[in-house]
């Protein structure tokens, strides 16, 4: 089972969280054309290795967190509150 270290609540089971998406993808600007929005919504990489993700702690503090998780081992090397997280690259 995945254990996520919440900065507010401590280490908790994955069941308390909801996956909110890929944190490494930036949303297109409002004036972007439909093809850019299509790519943003539907075309995703399936990386092997470290990956930035959004997780919402629904069973605790209700904070949105940015995690760096290894997609093969599920090891978590960094957790940050969304407001303090680095912007998408």
PDB file of N, CA and C in Angstrom:
ATOM      1  N   UNK A   1       0.840  -1.179   0.000  1.00  0.00           N
ATOM      2  CA  UNK A   1       0.000   0.000   0.000  1.00  0.00           C
ATOM      3  C   UNK A   1       0.888   1.247   0.000  1.00  0.00           C
ATOM      4  N   UNK A   2       0.464   2.233  -0.755  1.00  0.00           N
ATOM      5  CA  UNK A   2       1.181   3.509  -0.826  1.00  0.00           C
ATOM      6  C   UNK A   2       0.927   4.303   0.453  1.00  0.00           C
ATOM      7  N   UNK A   3       1.987   4.815   1.063  1.00  0.00           N
ATOM      8  CA  UNK A   3       1.887   5.657   2.272  1.00  0.00           C
ATOM      9  C   UNK A   3       2.399   7.035   1.901  1.00  0.00           C
ATOM     10  N   UNK A   4       1.559   8.049   2.080  1.00  0.00           N
ATOM     11  CA  UNK A   4       1.882   9.415   1.667  1.00  0.00           C
ATOM     12  C   UNK A   4       2.138  10.270   2.904  1.00  0.00           C
ATOM     13  N   UNK A   5       3.321  10.931   2.966  1.00  0.00           N
ATOM     14  CA  UNK A   5       3.626  11.794   4.116  1.00  0.00           C
ATOM     15  C   UNK A   5       3.009  13.184   3.938  1.00  0.00           C
ATOM     16  N   UNK A   6       1.862  13.394   4.556  1.00  0.00           N
ATOM     17  CA  UNK A   6       1.195  14.696   4.493  1.00  0.00           C
ATOM     18  C   UNK A   6       1.936  15.672   5.406  1.00  0.00           C
ATOM     19  N   UNK A   7       2.269  16.876   4.932  1.00  0.00           N
ATOM     20  CA  UNK A   7       2.974  17.846   5.774  1.00  0.00           C
ATOM     21  C   UNK A   7       2.170  18.298   6.996  1.00  0.00           C
ATOM     22  N   UNK A   8       0.849  18.127   6.966  1.00  0.00           N
ATOM     23  CA  UNK A   8      -0.015  18.578   8.055  1.00  0.00           C
ATOM     24  C   UNK A   8      -0.457  17.440   8.981  1.00  0.00           C
ATOM     25  N   UNK A   9      -0.692  16.255   8.406  1.00  0.00           N
ATOM     26  CA  UNK A   9      -1.286  15.151   9.162  1.00  0.00           C
ATOM     27  C   UNK A   9      -0.328  13.997   9.447  1.00  0.00           C
ATOM     28  N   UNK A  10       0.852  14.022   8.854  1.00  0.00           N
ATOM     29  CA  UNK A  10       1.786  12.910   9.014  1.00  0.00           C
ATOM     30  C   UNK A  10       1.580  11.862   7.938  1.00  0.00           C
ATOM     31  N   UNK A  11       2.221  10.722   8.106  1.00  0.00           N
ATOM     32  CA  UNK A  11       2.142   9.646   7.107  1.00  0.00           C
ATOM     33  C   UNK A  11       0.767   9.001   7.181  1.00  0.00           C
ATOM     34  N   UNK A  12       0.128   8.902   6.013  1.00  0.00           N
ATOM     35  CA  UNK A  12      -1.224   8.344   5.925  1.00  0.00           C
ATOM     36  C   UNK A  12      -1.304   7.352   4.766  1.00  0.00           C
ATOM     37  N   UNK A  13      -2.290   6.445   4.835  1.00  0.00           N
ATOM     38  CA  UNK A  13      -2.523   5.477   3.765  1.00  0.00           C
ATOM     39  C   UNK A  13      -3.101   6.176   2.530  1.00  0.00           C
ATOM     40  N   UNK A  14      -2.825   5.610   1.394  1.00  0.00           N
ATOM     41  CA  UNK A  14      -3.303   6.137   0.110  1.00  0.00           C
ATOM     42  C   UNK A  14      -4.818   6.285   0.075  1.00  0.00           C
ATOM     43  N   UNK A  15      -5.537   5.471   0.792  1.00  0.00           N
ATOM     44  CA  UNK A  15      -7.003   5.484   0.788  1.00  0.00           C
ATOM     45  C   UNK A  15      -7.574   6.837   1.217  1.00  0.00           C
ATOM     46  N   UNK A  16      -6.796   7.624   1.971  1.00  0.00           N
ATOM     47  CA  UNK A  16      -7.242   8.953   2.410  1.00  0.00           C
ATOM     48  C   UNK A  16      -7.078  10.021   1.330  1.00  0.00           C
ATOM     49  N   UNK A  17      -6.437   9.689   0.227  1.00  0.00           N
ATOM     50  CA  UNK A  17      -6.107  10.656  -0.822  1.00  0.00           C
ATOM     51  C   UNK A  17      -6.818  10.323  -2.121  1.00  0.00           C
ATOM     52  N   UNK A  18      -6.940  11.311  -2.981  1.00  0.00           N
ATOM     53  CA  UNK A  18      -7.444  11.119  -4.343  1.00  0.00           C
ATOM     54  C   UNK A  18      -6.417  11.688  -5.311  1.00  0.00           C
ATOM     55  N   UNK A  19      -6.091  10.893  -6.312  1.00  0.00           N
ATOM     56  CA  UNK A  19      -5.170  11.328  -7.356  1.00  0.00           C
ATOM     57  C   UNK A  19      -5.846  12.419  -8.177  1.00  0.00           C
ATOM     58  N   UNK A  20      -5.173  13.552  -8.396  1.00  0.00           N
ATOM     59  CA  UNK A  20      -5.768  14.681  -9.112  1.00  0.00           C
ATOM     60  C   UNK A  20      -5.106  14.966 -10.453  1.00  0.00           C
ATOM     61  N   UNK A  21      -4.062  14.216 -10.795  1.00  0.00           N
ATOM     62  CA  UNK A  21      -3.501  14.382 -12.128  1.00  0.00           C
ATOM     63  C   UNK A  21      -2.001  14.624 -12.158  1.00  0.00           C
ATOM     64  N   UNK A  22      -1.534  14.786 -13.369  1.00  0.00           N
ATOM     65  CA  UNK A  22      -0.127  14.990 -13.683  1.00  0.00           C
ATOM     66  C   UNK A  22       0.264  16.431 -13.359  1.00  0.00           C
ATOM     67  N   UNK A  23       1.235  16.609 -12.484  1.00  0.00           N
ATOM     68  CA  UNK A  23       1.661  17.956 -12.083  1.00  0.00           C
ATOM     69  C   UNK A  23       2.783  18.496 -12.965  1.00  0.00           C
ATOM     70  N   UNK A  24       3.191  17.718 -13.956  1.00  0.00           N
ATOM     71  CA  UNK A  24       4.290  18.176 -14.811  1.00  0.00           C
ATOM     72  C   UNK A  24       3.795  18.824 -16.105  1.00  0.00           C
ATOM     73  N   UNK A  25       2.488  18.870 -16.299  1.00  0.00           N
ATOM     74  CA  UNK A  25       1.907  19.423 -17.521  1.00  0.00           C
ATOM     75  C   UNK A  25       1.269  20.779 -17.210  1.00  0.00           C
ATOM     76  N   UNK A  26       1.624  21.790 -17.976  1.00  0.00           N
ATOM     77  CA  UNK A  26       1.055  23.124 -17.782  1.00  0.00           C
ATOM     78  C   UNK A  26      -0.194  23.298 -18.655  1.00  0.00           C
ATOM     79  N   UNK A  27      -1.222  23.899 -18.093  1.00  0.00           N
ATOM     80  CA  UNK A  27      -2.452  24.165 -18.843  1.00  0.00           C
ATOM     81  C   UNK A  27      -2.166  25.209 -19.913  1.00  0.00           C
ATOM     82  N   UNK A  28      -2.719  25.017 -21.125  1.00  0.00           N
ATOM     83  CA  UNK A  28      -2.521  26.015 -22.185  1.00  0.00           C
ATOM     84  C   UNK A  28      -3.170  27.356 -21.819  1.00  0.00           C
ATOM     85  N   UNK A  29      -2.690  28.405 -22.411  1.00  0.00           N
ATOM     86  CA  UNK A  29      -3.257  29.739 -22.207  1.00  0.00           C
ATOM     87  C   UNK A  29      -4.690  29.777 -22.737  1.00  0.00           C
ATOM     88  N   UNK A  30      -5.486  30.681 -22.232  1.00  0.00           N
ATOM     89  CA  UNK A  30      -6.897  30.790 -22.629  1.00  0.00           C
ATOM     90  C   UNK A  30      -7.062  31.005 -24.132  1.00  0.00           C
ATOM     91  N   UNK A  31      -6.113  31.685 -24.758  1.00  0.00           N
ATOM     92  CA  UNK A  31      -6.221  31.954 -26.199  1.00  0.00           C
ATOM     93  C   UNK A  31      -5.667  30.821 -27.067  1.00  0.00           C
ATOM     94  N   UNK A  32      -5.256  29.703 -26.476  1.00  0.00           N
ATOM     95  CA  UNK A  32      -4.722  28.569 -27.230  1.00  0.00           C
ATOM     96  C   UNK A  32      -5.811  27.959 -28.103  1.00  0.00           C
ATOM     97  N   UNK A  33      -5.386  27.335 -29.198  1.00  0.00           N
ATOM     98  CA  UNK A  33      -6.372  26.723 -30.096  1.00  0.00           C
ATOM     99  C   UNK A  33      -6.816  25.358 -29.555  1.00  0.00           C
ATOM    100  N   UNK A  34      -7.839  24.796 -30.181  1.00  0.00           N
ATOM    101  CA  UNK A  34      -8.451  23.551 -29.714  1.00  0.00           C
ATOM    102  C   UNK A  34      -7.471  22.385 -29.715  1.00  0.00           C
ATOM    103  N   UNK A  35      -6.542  22.356 -30.658  1.00  0.00           N
ATOM    104  CA  UNK A  35      -5.593  21.238 -30.710  1.00  0.00           C
ATOM    105  C   UNK A  35      -4.667  21.230 -29.494  1.00  0.00           C
ATOM    106  N   UNK A  36      -4.305  22.402 -28.989  1.00  0.00           N
ATOM    107  CA  UNK A  36      -3.470  22.461 -27.780  1.00  0.00           C
ATOM    108  C   UNK A  36      -4.238  21.951 -26.566  1.00  0.00           C
ATOM    109  N   UNK A  37      -5.516  22.320 -26.449  1.00  0.00           N
ATOM    110  CA  UNK A  37      -6.325  21.831 -25.340  1.00  0.00           C
ATOM    111  C   UNK A  37      -6.555  20.321 -25.465  1.00  0.00           C
ATOM    112  N   UNK A  38      -6.731  19.825 -26.687  1.00  0.00           N
ATOM    113  CA  UNK A  38      -6.891  18.387 -26.904  1.00  0.00           C
ATOM    114  C   UNK A  38      -5.665  17.645 -26.398  1.00  0.00           C
ATOM    115  N   UNK A  39      -4.470  18.120 -26.780  1.00  0.00           N
ATOM    116  CA  UNK A  39      -3.222  17.486 -26.328  1.00  0.00           C
ATOM    117  C   UNK A  39      -3.105  17.541 -24.807  1.00  0.00           C
ATOM    118  N   UNK A  40      -3.477  18.671 -24.216  1.00  0.00           N
ATOM    119  CA  UNK A  40      -3.405  18.838 -22.758  1.00  0.00           C
ATOM    120  C   UNK A  40      -4.310  17.837 -22.029  1.00  0.00           C
ATOM    121  N   UNK A  41      -5.515  17.625 -22.535  1.00  0.00           N
ATOM    122  CA  UNK A  41      -6.483  16.765 -21.863  1.00  0.00           C
ATOM    123  C   UNK A  41      -6.247  15.283 -22.153  1.00  0.00           C
ATOM    124  N   UNK A  42      -5.935  14.920 -23.409  1.00  0.00           N
ATOM    125  CA  UNK A  42      -5.950  13.512 -23.804  1.00  0.00           C
ATOM    126  C   UNK A  42      -4.583  12.872 -24.051  1.00  0.00           C
ATOM    127  N   UNK A  43      -3.587  13.623 -24.390  1.00  0.00           N
ATOM    128  CA  UNK A  43      -2.295  13.024 -24.728  1.00  0.00           C
ATOM    129  C   UNK A  43      -1.355  13.128 -23.536  1.00  0.00           C
ATOM    130  N   UNK A  44      -1.102  11.999 -22.910  1.00  0.00           N
ATOM    131  CA  UNK A  44      -0.229  11.960 -21.736  1.00  0.00           C
ATOM    132  C   UNK A  44       0.889  10.950 -21.935  1.00  0.00           C
ATOM    133  N   UNK A  45       2.027  11.263 -21.357  1.00  0.00           N
ATOM    134  CA  UNK A  45       3.142  10.330 -21.342  1.00  0.00           C
ATOM    135  C   UNK A  45       2.892   9.315 -20.232  1.00  0.00           C
ATOM    136  N   UNK A  46       3.490   8.172 -20.356  1.00  0.00           N
ATOM    137  CA  UNK A  46       3.414   7.145 -19.327  1.00  0.00           C
ATOM    138  C   UNK A  46       4.845   6.893 -18.855  1.00  0.00           C
ATOM    139  N   UNK A  47       5.384   7.791 -18.028  1.00  0.00           N
ATOM    140  CA  UNK A  47       6.804   7.736 -17.695  1.00  0.00           C
ATOM    141  C   UNK A  47       7.166   6.579 -16.772  1.00  0.00           C
ATOM    142  N   UNK A  48       8.381   6.107 -16.923  1.00  0.00           N
ATOM    143  CA  UNK A  48       8.954   5.138 -16.001  1.00  0.00           C
ATOM    144  C   UNK A  48      10.013   5.886 -15.214  1.00  0.00           C
ATOM    145  N   UNK A  49       9.812   6.022 -13.934  1.00  0.00           N
ATOM    146  CA  UNK A  49      10.766   6.760 -13.114  1.00  0.00           C
ATOM    147  C   UNK A  49      10.056   7.810 -12.287  1.00  0.00           C
ATOM    148  N   UNK A  50      10.775   8.862 -11.953  1.00  0.00           N
ATOM    149  CA  UNK A  50      10.227   9.924 -11.103  1.00  0.00           C
ATOM    150  C   UNK A  50       9.212  10.753 -11.870  1.00  0.00           C
ATOM    151  N   UNK A  51       8.112  11.057 -11.201  1.00  0.00           N
ATOM    152  CA  UNK A  51       7.009  11.763 -11.855  1.00  0.00           C
ATOM    153  C   UNK A  51       6.319  12.683 -10.844  1.00  0.00           C
ATOM    154  N   UNK A  52       5.955  13.887 -11.267  1.00  0.00           N
ATOM    155  CA  UNK A  52       5.251  14.854 -10.417  1.00  0.00           C
ATOM    156  C   UNK A  52       3.744  14.645 -10.554  1.00  0.00           C
ATOM    157  N   UNK A  53       3.056  14.561  -9.407  1.00  0.00           N
ATOM    158  CA  UNK A  53       1.618  14.291  -9.395  1.00  0.00           C
ATOM    159  C   UNK A  53       0.915  15.169  -8.367  1.00  0.00           C
ATOM    160  N   UNK A  54      -0.372  15.459  -8.633  1.00  0.00           N
ATOM    161  CA  UNK A  54      -1.224  16.159  -7.665  1.00  0.00           C
ATOM    162  C   UNK A  54      -2.034  15.124  -6.907  1.00  0.00           C
ATOM    163  N   UNK A  55      -2.094  15.257  -5.574  1.00  0.00           N
ATOM    164  CA  UNK A  55      -2.909  14.397  -4.719  1.00  0.00           C
ATOM    165  C   UNK A  55      -3.670  15.287  -3.747  1.00  0.00           C
ATOM    166  N   UNK A  56      -4.964  14.999  -3.547  1.00  0.00           N
ATOM    167  CA  UNK A  56      -5.804  15.751  -2.622  1.00  0.00           C
ATOM    168  C   UNK A  56      -6.051  14.898  -1.382  1.00  0.00           C
ATOM    169  N   UNK A  57      -5.789  15.443  -0.197  1.00  0.00           N
ATOM    170  CA  UNK A  57      -5.985  14.707   1.050  1.00  0.00           C
ATOM    171  C   UNK A  57      -7.441  14.861   1.504  1.00  0.00           C
ATOM    172  N   UNK A  58      -8.323  14.078   0.894  1.00  0.00           N
ATOM    173  CA  UNK A  58      -9.762  14.185   1.165  1.00  0.00           C
ATOM    174  C   UNK A  58     -10.143  13.633   2.536  1.00  0.00           C
ATOM    175  N   UNK A  59      -9.365  12.698   3.076  1.00  0.00           N
ATOM    176  CA  UNK A  59      -9.682  12.093   4.355  1.00  0.00           C
ATOM    177  C   UNK A  59      -8.941  12.730   5.513  1.00  0.00           C
ATOM    178  N   UNK A  60      -8.449  13.934   5.312  1.00  0.00           N
ATOM    179  CA  UNK A  60      -7.686  14.613   6.358  1.00  0.00           C
ATOM    180  C   UNK A  60      -7.816  16.116   6.236  1.00  0.00           C
ATOM    181  N   UNK A  61      -6.715  16.782   5.963  1.00  0.00           N
ATOM    182  CA  UNK A  61      -6.658  18.248   5.979  1.00  0.00           C
ATOM    183  C   UNK A  61      -7.240  18.906   4.735  1.00  0.00           C
ATOM    184  N   UNK A  62      -7.581  18.129   3.707  1.00  0.00           N
ATOM    185  CA  UNK A  62      -8.160  18.617   2.445  1.00  0.00           C
ATOM    186  C   UNK A  62      -7.212  19.517   1.655  1.00  0.00           C
ATOM    187  N   UNK A  63      -5.925  19.363   1.879  1.00  0.00           N
ATOM    188  CA  UNK A  63      -4.923  20.145   1.149  1.00  0.00           C
ATOM    189  C   UNK A  63      -4.549  19.438  -0.151  1.00  0.00           C
ATOM    190  N   UNK A  64      -4.285  20.222  -1.177  1.00  0.00           N
ATOM    191  CA  UNK A  64      -3.783  19.706  -2.444  1.00  0.00           C
ATOM    192  C   UNK A  64      -2.267  19.651  -2.341  1.00  0.00           C
ATOM    193  N   UNK A  65      -1.695  18.478  -2.617  1.00  0.00           N
ATOM    194  CA  UNK A  65      -0.260  18.269  -2.482  1.00  0.00           C
ATOM    195  C   UNK A  65       0.363  17.900  -3.819  1.00  0.00           C
ATOM    196  N   UNK A  66       1.614  18.304  -3.989  1.00  0.00           N
ATOM    197  CA  UNK A  66       2.398  17.914  -5.172  1.00  0.00           C
ATOM    198  C   UNK A  66       3.437  16.915  -4.708  1.00  0.00           C
ATOM    199  N   UNK A  67       3.361  15.698  -5.243  1.00  0.00           N
ATOM    200  CA  UNK A  67       4.280  14.633  -4.877  1.00  0.00           C
ATOM    201  C   UNK A  67       5.227  14.334  -6.020  1.00  0.00           C
ATOM    202  N   UNK A  68       6.423  13.915  -5.703  1.00  0.00           N
ATOM    203  CA  UNK A  68       7.324  13.305  -6.676  1.00  0.00           C
ATOM    204  C   UNK A  68       7.386  11.841  -6.303  1.00  0.00           C
ATOM    205  N   UNK A  69       6.816  10.996  -7.173  1.00  0.00           N
ATOM    206  CA  UNK A  69       6.685   9.567  -6.901  1.00  0.00           C
ATOM    207  C   UNK A  69       7.330   8.772  -8.022  1.00  0.00           C
ATOM    208  N   UNK A  70       8.030   7.698  -7.646  1.00  0.00           N
ATOM    209  CA  UNK A  70       8.632   6.811  -8.637  1.00  0.00           C
ATOM    210  C   UNK A  70       7.536   5.870  -9.120  1.00  0.00           C
ATOM    211  N   UNK A  71       7.296   5.815 -10.422  1.00  0.00           N
ATOM    212  CA  UNK A  71       6.172   5.057 -10.962  1.00  0.00           C
ATOM    213  C   UNK A  71       6.366   3.546 -10.904  1.00  0.00           C
ATOM    214  N   UNK A  72       7.587   3.090 -10.701  1.00  0.00           N
ATOM    215  CA  UNK A  72       7.831   1.645 -10.609  1.00  0.00           C
ATOM    216  C   UNK A  72       7.845   1.169  -9.156  1.00  0.00           C
ATOM    217  N   UNK A  73       8.535   1.884  -8.286  1.00  0.00           N
ATOM    218  CA  UNK A  73       8.683   1.457  -6.894  1.00  0.00           C
ATOM    219  C   UNK A  73       7.676   2.119  -5.955  1.00  0.00           C
ATOM    220  N   UNK A  74       7.024   3.171  -6.396  1.00  0.00           N
ATOM    221  CA  UNK A  74       6.080   3.979  -5.614  1.00  0.00           C
ATOM    222  C   UNK A  74       6.753   4.726  -4.463  1.00  0.00           C
ATOM    223  N   UNK A  75       8.075   4.812  -4.483  1.00  0.00           N
ATOM    224  CA  UNK A  75       8.796   5.599  -3.483  1.00  0.00           C
ATOM    225  C   UNK A  75       8.445   7.070  -3.668  1.00  0.00           C
ATOM    226  N   UNK A  76       8.269   7.786  -2.585  1.00  0.00           N
ATOM    227  CA  UNK A  76       7.976   9.219  -2.630  1.00  0.00           C
ATOM    228  C   UNK A  76       9.202   9.955  -2.118  1.00  0.00           C
ATOM    229  N   UNK A  77       9.749  10.864  -2.946  1.00  0.00           N
ATOM    230  CA  UNK A  77      10.950  11.579  -2.520  1.00  0.00           C
ATOM    231  C   UNK A  77      10.683  13.028  -2.152  1.00  0.00           C
ATOM    232  N   UNK A  78       9.526  13.579  -2.503  1.00  0.00           N
ATOM    233  CA  UNK A  78       9.221  14.969  -2.159  1.00  0.00           C
ATOM    234  C   UNK A  78       7.711  15.170  -2.086  1.00  0.00           C
ATOM    235  N   UNK A  79       7.295  15.985  -1.119  1.00  0.00           N
ATOM    236  CA  UNK A  79       5.892  16.378  -0.967  1.00  0.00           C
ATOM    237  C   UNK A  79       5.876  17.872  -0.673  1.00  0.00           C
ATOM    238  N   UNK A  80       5.008  18.604  -1.370  1.00  0.00           N
ATOM    239  CA  UNK A  80       4.884  20.046  -1.136  1.00  0.00           C
ATOM    240  C   UNK A  80       3.414  20.435  -1.207  1.00  0.00           C
ATOM    241  N   UNK A  81       3.053  21.462  -0.471  1.00  0.00           N
ATOM    242  CA  UNK A  81       1.706  22.020  -0.557  1.00  0.00           C
ATOM    243  C   UNK A  81       1.590  22.702  -1.924  1.00  0.00           C
ATOM    244  N   UNK A  82       0.454  22.562  -2.580  1.00  0.00           N
ATOM    245  CA  UNK A  82       0.289  23.073  -3.943  1.00  0.00           C
ATOM    246  C   UNK A  82       0.633  24.544  -4.074  1.00  0.00           C
ATOM    247  N   UNK A  83       0.238  25.358  -3.118  1.00  0.00           N
ATOM    248  CA  UNK A  83       0.503  26.794  -3.189  1.00  0.00           C
ATOM    249  C   UNK A  83       1.990  27.108  -3.181  1.00  0.00           C
ATOM    250  N   UNK A  84       2.794  26.234  -2.558  1.00  0.00           N
ATOM    251  CA  UNK A  84       4.239  26.452  -2.461  1.00  0.00           C
ATOM    252  C   UNK A  84       5.012  25.633  -3.486  1.00  0.00           C
ATOM    253  N   UNK A  85       4.324  24.789  -4.266  1.00  0.00           N
ATOM    254  CA  UNK A  85       4.990  23.909  -5.216  1.00  0.00           C
ATOM    255  C   UNK A  85       5.538  24.676  -6.410  1.00  0.00           C
ATOM    256  N   UNK A  86       6.541  24.098  -7.044  1.00  0.00           N
ATOM    257  CA  UNK A  86       7.115  24.700  -8.250  1.00  0.00           C
ATOM    258  C   UNK A  86       6.075  24.646  -9.369  1.00  0.00           C
ATOM    259  N   UNK A  87       6.063  25.611 -10.261  1.00  0.00           N
ATOM    260  CA  UNK A  87       5.133  25.540 -11.404  1.00  0.00           C
ATOM    261  C   UNK A  87       5.521  24.411 -12.344  1.00  0.00           C
ATOM    262  N   UNK A  88       4.557  23.969 -13.137  1.00  0.00           N
ATOM    263  CA  UNK A  88       4.815  22.906 -14.107  1.00  0.00           C
ATOM    264  C   UNK A  88       5.851  23.337 -15.118  1.00  0.00           C
ATOM    265  N   UNK A  89       6.632  22.380 -15.565  1.00  0.00           N
ATOM    266  CA  UNK A  89       7.698  22.658 -16.537  1.00  0.00           C
ATOM    267  C   UNK A  89       7.220  22.462 -17.944  1.00  0.00           C
TER     268      UNK A  89
END
